[in-house]
């Protein structure tokens, strides 16, 4: 398992890479978008769970 900080860092790196690919007009793989969505969801879940505990 990853910590919240590690997940946030991975999300930041993926989003940064996505922006770079847009400027270079390079298509990112579909897995890239799915990973971003999953990480965002995992981070939201962890933040909500942390508030309730």
C-alpha atoms as a PDB file:
ATOM      1  CA  UNK A   1       0.000   0.000   0.000  1.00  0.00           C
ATOM      2  CA  UNK A   2       1.018   3.545  -0.635  1.00  0.00           C
ATOM      3  CA  UNK A   3       0.746   6.363   1.835  1.00  0.00           C
ATOM      4  CA  UNK A   4      -1.394   9.399   1.121  1.00  0.00           C
ATOM      5  CA  UNK A   5       1.720  11.467   0.366  1.00  0.00           C
ATOM      6  CA  UNK A   6       2.958   8.877  -2.114  1.00  0.00           C
ATOM      7  CA  UNK A   7      -0.411   8.784  -3.882  1.00  0.00           C
ATOM      8  CA  UNK A   8      -0.521  12.567  -4.082  1.00  0.00           C
ATOM      9  CA  UNK A   9       2.991  12.606  -5.524  1.00  0.00           C
ATOM     10  CA  UNK A  10       2.166   9.972  -8.140  1.00  0.00           C
ATOM     11  CA  UNK A  11      -0.933  11.912  -9.125  1.00  0.00           C
ATOM     12  CA  UNK A  12       1.110  15.093  -9.477  1.00  0.00           C
ATOM     13  CA  UNK A  13       3.692  13.321 -11.653  1.00  0.00           C
ATOM     14  CA  UNK A  14       1.015  11.775 -13.883  1.00  0.00           C
ATOM     15  CA  UNK A  15      -0.756  15.097 -14.347  1.00  0.00           C
ATOM     16  CA  UNK A  16       2.529  16.833 -15.115  1.00  0.00           C
ATOM     17  CA  UNK A  17       3.334  14.203 -17.729  1.00  0.00           C
ATOM     18  CA  UNK A  18      -0.159  14.581 -19.198  1.00  0.00           C
ATOM     19  CA  UNK A  19       0.343  18.342 -19.607  1.00  0.00           C
ATOM     20  CA  UNK A  20       3.706  17.766 -21.285  1.00  0.00           C
ATOM     21  CA  UNK A  21       2.152  15.314 -23.700  1.00  0.00           C
ATOM     22  CA  UNK A  22      -0.518  17.859 -24.639  1.00  0.00           C
ATOM     23  CA  UNK A  23       2.083  20.453 -25.553  1.00  0.00           C
ATOM     24  CA  UNK A  24       4.049  17.957 -27.617  1.00  0.00           C
ATOM     25  CA  UNK A  25       0.835  16.699 -29.223  1.00  0.00           C
ATOM     26  CA  UNK A  26       1.738  13.220 -28.126  1.00  0.00           C
ATOM     27  CA  UNK A  27      -1.076  10.865 -27.229  1.00  0.00           C
ATOM     28  CA  UNK A  28      -0.867   9.370 -23.778  1.00  0.00           C
ATOM     29  CA  UNK A  29      -1.929   5.743 -23.309  1.00  0.00           C
ATOM     30  CA  UNK A  30      -5.468   5.085 -22.029  1.00  0.00           C
ATOM     31  CA  UNK A  31      -4.002   3.552 -18.875  1.00  0.00           C
ATOM     32  CA  UNK A  32      -2.641   6.978 -18.009  1.00  0.00           C
ATOM     33  CA  UNK A  33      -6.119   8.488 -17.661  1.00  0.00           C
ATOM     34  CA  UNK A  34      -7.422   5.503 -15.719  1.00  0.00           C
ATOM     35  CA  UNK A  35      -4.528   5.736 -13.287  1.00  0.00           C
ATOM     36  CA  UNK A  36      -5.204   9.430 -12.736  1.00  0.00           C
ATOM     37  CA  UNK A  37      -8.878   8.731 -12.040  1.00  0.00           C
ATOM     38  CA  UNK A  38      -8.103   5.856  -9.675  1.00  0.00           C
ATOM     39  CA  UNK A  39      -5.525   7.856  -7.753  1.00  0.00           C
ATOM     40  CA  UNK A  40      -7.876  10.803  -7.410  1.00  0.00           C
ATOM     41  CA  UNK A  41     -10.578   8.493  -6.076  1.00  0.00           C
ATOM     42  CA  UNK A  42      -8.192   6.776  -3.679  1.00  0.00           C
ATOM     43  CA  UNK A  43      -7.010  10.122  -2.325  1.00  0.00           C
ATOM     44  CA  UNK A  44     -10.576  11.387  -1.879  1.00  0.00           C
ATOM     45  CA  UNK A  45     -11.579   8.182  -0.090  1.00  0.00           C
ATOM     46  CA  UNK A  46      -8.614   8.310   2.208  1.00  0.00           C
ATOM     47  CA  UNK A  47      -9.232  11.961   3.090  1.00  0.00           C
ATOM     48  CA  UNK A  48     -12.907  11.318   3.830  1.00  0.00           C
ATOM     49  CA  UNK A  49     -12.107   8.233   5.897  1.00  0.00           C
ATOM     50  CA  UNK A  50      -9.483  10.119   7.844  1.00  0.00           C
ATOM     51  CA  UNK A  51     -12.010  12.831   8.759  1.00  0.00           C
ATOM     52  CA  UNK A  52     -14.475  10.266  10.104  1.00  0.00           C
ATOM     53  CA  UNK A  53     -11.980   8.359  12.214  1.00  0.00           C
END
